[in-house]
Amino acid sequence: VWRICLGLLPPQVGADGWSKDYSTARQRYAALRSQLIPDFSKTSGDPLAANTEGSDGEGGGVWKHYYDAADLRAEIHRDLERLFVDGCDDAYFQRPDLQALMLTVLY
C-alpha cells in the first residue's frame, strides 16, 4: 500500500502489473546507486594520493570521492547508533540489520 501512496506503483494496474513495475523500479534504483556510489574495487590509481589532481579536474578524483563518502557514511552510522524514537521499543532501532538498511536508504 505504501508503494501506491508514494507513487511507486500505479494503482490502476493491479497486482499483475506491479511485479513488472517493481522490477523496473529496482533496476533504476540499482543503476542510480551504482552511478552515485561507484565500485571502488575496480578503480585504478593510488588510493593514498587522495589530495592530488584527479582525472575529473578536481582534487583527488575518485579516491577523494571515496574518502568523502566513507566519512559521510560513518557520520550517518554514528547518528543511527544514537537513534531513539519516542513510542518505540528502544532496542528496535538498535538492531544491526535495521541500522544497515537505514544507512543504505540514507546514503
C-alpha atoms as a PDB file:
ATOM      1  CA  VAL A   1       0.000   0.000   0.000  1.00  0.00           C
ATOM      2  CA  TRP A   2       2.779   2.462   0.849  1.00  0.00           C
ATOM      3  CA  ARG A   3       4.279   1.992  -2.624  1.00  0.00           C
ATOM      4  CA  ILE A   4       0.987   3.104  -4.173  1.00  0.00           C
ATOM      5  CA  CYS A   5       0.741   6.099  -1.816  1.00  0.00           C
ATOM      6  CA  LEU A   6       4.278   7.198  -2.730  1.00  0.00           C
ATOM      7  CA  GLY A   7       3.569   6.825  -6.428  1.00  0.00           C
ATOM      8  CA  LEU A   8       5.975   3.924  -6.909  1.00  0.00           C
ATOM      9  CA  LEU A   9       3.264   1.641  -8.235  1.00  0.00           C
ATOM     10  CA  PRO A  10       0.296   2.784 -10.333  1.00  0.00           C
ATOM     11  CA  PRO A  11      -2.992   1.867  -8.580  1.00  0.00           C
ATOM     12  CA  GLN A  12      -4.871   1.226 -11.832  1.00  0.00           C
ATOM     13  CA  VAL A  13      -2.521  -1.560 -12.994  1.00  0.00           C
ATOM     14  CA  GLY A  14      -3.318  -4.027 -10.251  1.00  0.00           C
ATOM     15  CA  ALA A  15      -1.237  -6.776  -8.697  1.00  0.00           C
ATOM     16  CA  ASP A  16      -0.432  -8.464 -12.029  1.00  0.00           C
ATOM     17  CA  GLY A  17       1.402  -5.450 -13.425  1.00  0.00           C
ATOM     18  CA  TRP A  18       3.026  -4.442 -10.158  1.00  0.00           C
ATOM     19  CA  SER A  19       5.734  -7.074 -10.294  1.00  0.00           C
ATOM     20  CA  LYS A  20       6.988  -5.697 -13.615  1.00  0.00           C
ATOM     21  CA  ASP A  21       6.784  -2.087 -12.373  1.00  0.00           C
ATOM     22  CA  TYR A  22       8.508  -3.056  -9.138  1.00  0.00           C
ATOM     23  CA  SER A  23      11.284  -4.857 -11.018  1.00  0.00           C
ATOM     24  CA  THR A  24      11.809  -1.838 -13.287  1.00  0.00           C
ATOM     25  CA  ALA A  25      11.956   0.498 -10.292  1.00  0.00           C
ATOM     26  CA  ARG A  26      14.538  -1.741  -8.572  1.00  0.00           C
ATOM     27  CA  GLN A  27      16.682  -1.736 -11.734  1.00  0.00           C
ATOM     28  CA  ARG A  28      16.516   2.072 -11.941  1.00  0.00           C
ATOM     29  CA  TYR A  29      17.465   2.312  -8.263  1.00  0.00           C
ATOM     30  CA  ALA A  30      20.419  -0.074  -8.737  1.00  0.00           C
ATOM     31  CA  ALA A  31      21.635   1.913 -11.752  1.00  0.00           C
ATOM     32  CA  LEU A  32      21.340   5.222  -9.896  1.00  0.00           C
ATOM     33  CA  ARG A  33      23.073   3.805  -6.837  1.00  0.00           C
ATOM     34  CA  SER A  34      25.970   2.411  -8.916  1.00  0.00           C
ATOM     35  CA  GLN A  35      26.305   5.780 -10.645  1.00  0.00           C
ATOM     36  CA  LEU A  36      26.368   7.757  -7.389  1.00  0.00           C
ATOM     37  CA  ILE A  37      28.323   5.181  -5.377  1.00  0.00           C
ATOM     38  CA  PRO A  38      30.824   3.647  -7.803  1.00  0.00           C
ATOM     39  CA  ASP A  39      32.572   0.329  -7.203  1.00  0.00           C
ATOM     40  CA  PHE A  40      35.959   1.466  -5.967  1.00  0.00           C
ATOM     41  CA  SER A  41      37.420  -2.034  -6.183  1.00  0.00           C
ATOM     42  CA  LYS A  42      37.563  -1.556  -9.969  1.00  0.00           C
ATOM     43  CA  THR A  43      39.254   1.848  -9.757  1.00  0.00           C
ATOM     44  CA  SER A  44      42.857   2.274 -10.731  1.00  0.00           C
ATOM     45  CA  GLY A  45      45.222   4.793  -9.239  1.00  0.00           C
ATOM     46  CA  ASP A  46      46.802   5.339  -5.902  1.00  0.00           C
ATOM     47  CA  PRO A  47      44.252   5.446  -3.083  1.00  0.00           C
ATOM     48  CA  LEU A  48      46.770   7.218  -0.862  1.00  0.00           C
ATOM     49  CA  ALA A  49      47.006  10.093  -3.336  1.00  0.00           C
ATOM     50  CA  ALA A  50      43.605  11.477  -2.373  1.00  0.00           C
ATOM     51  CA  ASN A  51      44.869  15.060  -2.338  1.00  0.00           C
ATOM     52  CA  THR A  52      46.330  15.061  -5.842  1.00  0.00           C
ATOM     53  CA  GLU A  53      44.673  16.224  -9.049  1.00  0.00           C
ATOM     54  CA  GLY A  54      42.211  13.642 -10.325  1.00  0.00           C
ATOM     55  CA  SER A  55      41.179  12.817 -13.863  1.00  0.00           C
ATOM     56  CA  ASP A  56      37.939  14.738 -13.346  1.00  0.00           C
ATOM     57  CA  GLY A  57      39.831  18.004 -12.850  1.00  0.00           C
ATOM     58  CA  GLU A  58      39.078  18.169  -9.161  1.00  0.00           C
ATOM     59  CA  GLY A  59      41.485  17.461  -6.364  1.00  0.00           C
ATOM     60  CA  GLY A  60      41.675  13.791  -5.517  1.00  0.00           C
ATOM     61  CA  GLY A  61      39.400  12.459  -8.225  1.00  0.00           C
ATOM     62  CA  VAL A  62      37.561   9.253  -7.498  1.00  0.00           C
ATOM     63  CA  TRP A  63      39.546   8.448  -4.357  1.00  0.00           C
ATOM     64  CA  LYS A  64      38.701  11.806  -2.800  1.00  0.00           C
ATOM     65  CA  HIS A  65      35.063  10.986  -3.522  1.00  0.00           C
ATOM     66  CA  TYR A  66      35.561   7.593  -1.871  1.00  0.00           C
ATOM     67  CA  TYR A  67      37.056   9.063   1.306  1.00  0.00           C
ATOM     68  CA  ASP A  68      34.424  11.801   1.484  1.00  0.00           C
ATOM     69  CA  ALA A  69      31.686   9.189   1.058  1.00  0.00           C
ATOM     70  CA  ALA A  70      33.247   6.969   3.735  1.00  0.00           C
ATOM     71  CA  ASP A  71      33.342   9.902   6.155  1.00  0.00           C
ATOM     72  CA  LEU A  72      29.703  10.737   5.447  1.00  0.00           C
ATOM     73  CA  ARG A  73      28.610   7.106   5.852  1.00  0.00           C
ATOM     74  CA  ALA A  74      30.495   6.910   9.163  1.00  0.00           C
ATOM     75  CA  GLU A  75      28.766  10.058  10.405  1.00  0.00           C
ATOM     76  CA  ILE A  76      25.347   8.732   9.381  1.00  0.00           C
ATOM     77  CA  HIS A  77      26.144   5.431  11.107  1.00  0.00           C
ATOM     78  CA  ARG A  78      27.088   7.266  14.324  1.00  0.00           C
ATOM     79  CA  ASP A  79      23.760   9.117  14.186  1.00  0.00           C
ATOM     80  CA  LEU A  80      21.893   5.851  13.662  1.00  0.00           C
ATOM     81  CA  GLU A  81      23.589   4.337  16.707  1.00  0.00           C
ATOM     82  CA  ARG A  82      22.240   7.248  18.785  1.00  0.00           C
ATOM     83  CA  LEU A  83      18.718   6.993  17.338  1.00  0.00           C
ATOM     84  CA  PHE A  84      15.940   6.524  19.849  1.00  0.00           C
ATOM     85  CA  VAL A  85      12.334   7.205  18.834  1.00  0.00           C
ATOM     86  CA  ASP A  86       9.640   8.080  21.349  1.00  0.00           C
ATOM     87  CA  GLY A  87       6.924   5.467  21.463  1.00  0.00           C
ATOM     88  CA  CYS A  88       9.084   2.664  20.020  1.00  0.00           C
ATOM     89  CA  ASP A  89      10.906  -0.109  21.769  1.00  0.00           C
ATOM     90  CA  ASP A  90      14.438   1.165  22.476  1.00  0.00           C
ATOM     91  CA  ALA A  91      16.019  -1.995  21.087  1.00  0.00           C
ATOM     92  CA  TYR A  92      14.166  -1.780  17.753  1.00  0.00           C
ATOM     93  CA  PHE A  93      16.344   0.886  16.140  1.00  0.00           C
ATOM     94  CA  GLN A  94      19.482  -0.616  17.679  1.00  0.00           C
ATOM     95  CA  ARG A  95      19.205  -3.803  15.617  1.00  0.00           C
ATOM     96  CA  PRO A  96      22.254  -4.041  13.300  1.00  0.00           C
ATOM     97  CA  ASP A  97      20.192  -5.284  10.339  1.00  0.00           C
ATOM     98  CA  LEU A  98      17.779  -2.356  10.623  1.00  0.00           C
ATOM     99  CA  GLN A  99      20.632   0.132  11.016  1.00  0.00           C
ATOM    100  CA  ALA A 100      22.300  -1.268   7.883  1.00  0.00           C
ATOM    101  CA  LEU A 101      19.033  -0.889   5.988  1.00  0.00           C
ATOM    102  CA  MET A 102      18.565   2.709   7.168  1.00  0.00           C
ATOM    103  CA  LEU A 103      22.190   3.502   6.265  1.00  0.00           C
ATOM    104  CA  THR A 104      21.564   2.210   2.751  1.00  0.00           C
ATOM    105  CA  VAL A 105      18.440   4.355   2.462  1.00  0.00           C
ATOM    106  CA  LEU A 106      20.149   7.464   3.822  1.00  0.00           C
ATOM    107  CA  TYR A 107      23.289   7.024   1.702  1.00  0.00           C
END
